[in-house]
Amino acid sequence: MTDTEGRWALGVCKRAGLLEFAHILVTPGIISEMKVKRALNLDGGPSTGLWCRNEAGMVQFEKPGWAVRNAIVVVPRDSK
């Protein structure tokens, strides 16, 4: 998701269906510091995965169930 100030957030929620995830997102205080402008929901199916690296260089990888040919890539504008 992104907010009106250009900040981004990514998250993974395992073992929750769509209804449970919706309840999490509307819980007061869960996302209190961001007013969400746009959000993208990946369906969580076997082709959904997530790879990210934080500012300290630590990597998190949620491997998809099978290889996929497409991806959504988010990088800083000043990235080379």
N, C-alpha and C. Protein backbone atom coordinates (compact mmCIF):
# COMPACT_ATOMS: atom_id res chain seq x y z
N MET A 1 0.84 -1.18 0.00
CA MET A 1 0.00 0.00 0.00
C MET A 1 0.88 1.23 0.00
N THR A 2 0.32 2.33 -0.39
CA THR A 2 1.00 3.61 -0.35
C THR A 2 0.03 4.65 0.22
N ASP A 3 0.59 5.70 0.77
CA ASP A 3 -0.27 6.73 1.36
C ASP A 3 -0.16 8.03 0.57
N THR A 4 -0.77 9.08 1.08
CA THR A 4 -0.76 10.37 0.40
C THR A 4 0.57 11.11 0.54
N GLU A 5 1.50 10.58 1.34
CA GLU A 5 2.80 11.22 1.56
C GLU A 5 3.94 10.47 0.88
N GLY A 6 3.63 9.48 0.04
CA GLY A 6 4.66 8.75 -0.69
C GLY A 6 5.30 7.62 0.07
N ARG A 7 4.78 7.26 1.24
CA ARG A 7 5.33 6.12 2.00
C ARG A 7 4.69 4.83 1.50
N TRP A 8 5.43 3.73 1.64
CA TRP A 8 4.98 2.42 1.20
C TRP A 8 5.01 1.44 2.36
N ALA A 9 4.18 0.42 2.29
CA ALA A 9 4.21 -0.66 3.27
C ALA A 9 3.88 -1.97 2.55
N LEU A 10 4.56 -3.04 2.96
CA LEU A 10 4.32 -4.38 2.44
C LEU A 10 4.05 -5.29 3.61
N GLY A 11 3.23 -6.29 3.40
CA GLY A 11 2.96 -7.21 4.49
C GLY A 11 2.57 -8.59 3.99
N VAL A 12 2.75 -9.55 4.87
CA VAL A 12 2.38 -10.93 4.60
C VAL A 12 1.50 -11.40 5.74
N CYS A 13 0.41 -12.04 5.41
CA CYS A 13 -0.48 -12.58 6.44
C CYS A 13 -0.75 -14.04 6.08
N LYS A 14 -0.18 -14.93 6.86
CA LYS A 14 -0.34 -16.36 6.60
C LYS A 14 -1.53 -16.92 7.39
N ARG A 15 -2.11 -17.94 6.83
CA ARG A 15 -3.17 -18.70 7.48
C ARG A 15 -4.37 -17.84 7.86
N ALA A 16 -4.72 -16.89 7.00
CA ALA A 16 -5.92 -16.08 7.21
C ALA A 16 -6.66 -16.00 5.89
N GLY A 17 -7.95 -16.21 5.94
CA GLY A 17 -8.76 -16.06 4.74
C GLY A 17 -9.06 -14.59 4.49
N LEU A 18 -9.76 -14.32 3.41
CA LEU A 18 -10.06 -12.95 3.04
C LEU A 18 -10.86 -12.24 4.12
N LEU A 19 -11.84 -12.90 4.72
CA LEU A 19 -12.65 -12.29 5.77
C LEU A 19 -11.80 -11.97 7.01
N GLU A 20 -10.97 -12.90 7.42
CA GLU A 20 -10.11 -12.66 8.59
C GLU A 20 -9.13 -11.51 8.32
N PHE A 21 -8.59 -11.47 7.11
CA PHE A 21 -7.66 -10.40 6.76
C PHE A 21 -8.36 -9.05 6.75
N ALA A 22 -9.59 -9.00 6.25
CA ALA A 22 -10.36 -7.75 6.26
C ALA A 22 -10.58 -7.27 7.69
N HIS A 23 -10.88 -8.18 8.60
CA HIS A 23 -11.06 -7.81 10.02
C HIS A 23 -9.76 -7.24 10.60
N ILE A 24 -8.63 -7.83 10.24
CA ILE A 24 -7.34 -7.33 10.72
C ILE A 24 -7.11 -5.91 10.24
N LEU A 25 -7.37 -5.65 8.96
CA LEU A 25 -7.10 -4.34 8.38
C LEU A 25 -7.98 -3.23 8.95
N VAL A 26 -9.20 -3.56 9.37
CA VAL A 26 -10.09 -2.51 9.91
C VAL A 26 -9.97 -2.37 11.43
N THR A 27 -9.12 -3.17 12.05
CA THR A 27 -8.92 -3.06 13.49
C THR A 27 -8.22 -1.74 13.82
N PRO A 28 -8.83 -0.91 14.68
CA PRO A 28 -8.20 0.37 15.04
C PRO A 28 -6.78 0.17 15.58
N GLY A 29 -5.85 1.02 15.12
CA GLY A 29 -4.49 0.97 15.60
C GLY A 29 -3.56 0.09 14.79
N ILE A 30 -4.08 -0.77 13.91
CA ILE A 30 -3.22 -1.64 13.11
C ILE A 30 -2.41 -0.81 12.10
N ILE A 31 -3.08 0.08 11.39
CA ILE A 31 -2.40 0.94 10.41
C ILE A 31 -2.74 2.39 10.74
N SER A 32 -2.44 2.82 11.94
CA SER A 32 -2.83 4.16 12.38
C SER A 32 -1.95 5.26 11.82
N GLU A 33 -0.71 4.95 11.45
CA GLU A 33 0.21 6.00 11.01
C GLU A 33 0.14 6.28 9.51
N MET A 34 -0.68 5.55 8.77
CA MET A 34 -0.79 5.77 7.33
C MET A 34 -2.24 5.90 6.91
N LYS A 35 -2.53 6.88 6.08
CA LYS A 35 -3.84 6.97 5.43
C LYS A 35 -3.66 6.35 4.05
N VAL A 36 -4.20 5.18 3.84
CA VAL A 36 -3.97 4.42 2.62
C VAL A 36 -4.63 5.11 1.43
N LYS A 37 -3.81 5.33 0.40
CA LYS A 37 -4.30 5.91 -0.86
C LYS A 37 -4.56 4.81 -1.88
N ARG A 38 -3.60 3.89 -2.02
CA ARG A 38 -3.73 2.77 -2.95
C ARG A 38 -3.21 1.51 -2.28
N ALA A 39 -3.85 0.39 -2.61
CA ALA A 39 -3.40 -0.89 -2.07
C ALA A 39 -3.57 -1.96 -3.15
N LEU A 40 -2.73 -2.97 -3.09
CA LEU A 40 -2.78 -4.08 -4.02
C LEU A 40 -2.85 -5.36 -3.20
N ASN A 41 -3.80 -6.20 -3.51
CA ASN A 41 -3.95 -7.46 -2.81
C ASN A 41 -3.57 -8.60 -3.74
N LEU A 42 -2.51 -9.31 -3.40
CA LEU A 42 -2.19 -10.53 -4.13
C LEU A 42 -3.03 -11.63 -3.51
N ASP A 43 -3.54 -12.53 -4.30
CA ASP A 43 -4.55 -13.47 -3.83
C ASP A 43 -4.06 -14.50 -2.82
N GLY A 44 -2.77 -14.62 -2.64
CA GLY A 44 -2.26 -15.59 -1.67
C GLY A 44 -2.26 -17.01 -2.19
N GLY A 45 -2.57 -17.17 -3.46
CA GLY A 45 -2.56 -18.50 -4.06
C GLY A 45 -1.14 -19.03 -4.19
N PRO A 46 -0.99 -20.23 -4.74
CA PRO A 46 0.33 -20.86 -4.80
C PRO A 46 1.34 -20.13 -5.69
N SER A 47 0.90 -19.20 -6.53
CA SER A 47 1.86 -18.47 -7.36
C SER A 47 2.28 -17.15 -6.72
N THR A 48 1.77 -16.85 -5.54
CA THR A 48 2.10 -15.59 -4.87
C THR A 48 3.33 -15.76 -3.98
N GLY A 49 4.30 -14.87 -4.15
CA GLY A 49 5.49 -14.88 -3.32
C GLY A 49 5.89 -13.45 -2.99
N LEU A 50 6.84 -13.29 -2.10
CA LEU A 50 7.32 -11.96 -1.74
C LEU A 50 8.81 -12.04 -1.44
N TRP A 51 9.57 -11.16 -2.06
CA TRP A 51 10.99 -11.02 -1.75
C TRP A 51 11.22 -9.56 -1.44
N CYS A 52 11.86 -9.27 -0.32
CA CYS A 52 12.16 -7.87 0.00
C CYS A 52 13.45 -7.81 0.82
N ARG A 53 14.08 -6.62 0.77
CA ARG A 53 15.29 -6.36 1.54
C ARG A 53 15.08 -5.03 2.25
N ASN A 54 15.33 -5.00 3.56
CA ASN A 54 15.15 -3.76 4.31
C ASN A 54 16.40 -2.88 4.22
N GLU A 55 16.35 -1.72 4.85
CA GLU A 55 17.46 -0.78 4.78
C GLU A 55 18.76 -1.35 5.35
N ALA A 56 18.66 -2.27 6.29
CA ALA A 56 19.85 -2.89 6.88
C ALA A 56 20.41 -4.02 6.00
N GLY A 57 19.73 -4.34 4.90
CA GLY A 57 20.20 -5.37 4.00
C GLY A 57 19.66 -6.76 4.30
N MET A 58 18.81 -6.89 5.33
CA MET A 58 18.24 -8.20 5.66
C MET A 58 17.17 -8.56 4.63
N VAL A 59 17.15 -9.82 4.22
CA VAL A 59 16.25 -10.30 3.18
C VAL A 59 15.16 -11.17 3.79
N GLN A 60 13.95 -11.01 3.29
CA GLN A 60 12.85 -11.91 3.63
C GLN A 60 12.32 -12.47 2.32
N PHE A 61 12.10 -13.77 2.27
CA PHE A 61 11.61 -14.40 1.05
C PHE A 61 10.50 -15.37 1.40
N GLU A 62 9.34 -15.11 0.86
CA GLU A 62 8.21 -16.03 0.97
C GLU A 62 8.09 -16.68 -0.40
N LYS A 63 8.58 -17.90 -0.52
CA LYS A 63 8.67 -18.58 -1.81
C LYS A 63 7.30 -19.00 -2.31
N PRO A 64 7.01 -18.72 -3.60
CA PRO A 64 5.74 -19.18 -4.16
C PRO A 64 5.76 -20.69 -4.34
N GLY A 65 4.60 -21.27 -4.52
CA GLY A 65 4.49 -22.72 -4.71
C GLY A 65 5.08 -23.19 -6.02
N TRP A 66 5.10 -22.32 -7.02
CA TRP A 66 5.73 -22.64 -8.29
C TRP A 66 6.27 -21.38 -8.94
N ALA A 67 7.15 -21.56 -9.91
CA ALA A 67 7.77 -20.42 -10.58
C ALA A 67 6.72 -19.64 -11.38
N VAL A 68 6.87 -18.34 -11.40
CA VAL A 68 5.96 -17.50 -12.17
C VAL A 68 6.77 -16.65 -13.15
N ARG A 69 6.13 -16.20 -14.22
CA ARG A 69 6.82 -15.43 -15.25
C ARG A 69 6.69 -13.93 -15.06
N ASN A 70 5.82 -13.48 -14.20
CA ASN A 70 5.65 -12.04 -14.02
C ASN A 70 5.88 -11.65 -12.57
N ALA A 71 6.14 -10.35 -12.38
CA ALA A 71 6.44 -9.87 -11.04
C ALA A 71 6.08 -8.39 -10.95
N ILE A 72 5.83 -7.94 -9.75
CA ILE A 72 5.67 -6.53 -9.45
C ILE A 72 6.93 -6.11 -8.71
N VAL A 73 7.64 -5.12 -9.22
CA VAL A 73 8.89 -4.69 -8.62
C VAL A 73 8.72 -3.25 -8.15
N VAL A 74 9.09 -3.00 -6.90
CA VAL A 74 9.04 -1.65 -6.33
C VAL A 74 10.45 -1.28 -5.90
N VAL A 75 10.99 -0.22 -6.47
CA VAL A 75 12.34 0.26 -6.13
C VAL A 75 12.28 1.76 -5.91
N PRO A 76 13.20 2.31 -5.13
CA PRO A 76 13.24 3.77 -4.95
C PRO A 76 13.50 4.46 -6.28
N ARG A 77 12.98 5.66 -6.44
CA ARG A 77 13.16 6.40 -7.68
C ARG A 77 14.61 6.68 -7.99
N ASP A 78 15.45 6.85 -6.96
CA ASP A 78 16.86 7.15 -7.19
C ASP A 78 17.71 5.88 -7.32
N SER A 79 17.08 4.71 -7.40
CA SER A 79 17.81 3.45 -7.53
C SER A 79 18.46 3.35 -8.90
N LYS A 80 19.63 2.70 -8.96
CA LYS A 80 20.34 2.54 -10.24
C LYS A 80 20.25 1.14 -10.73
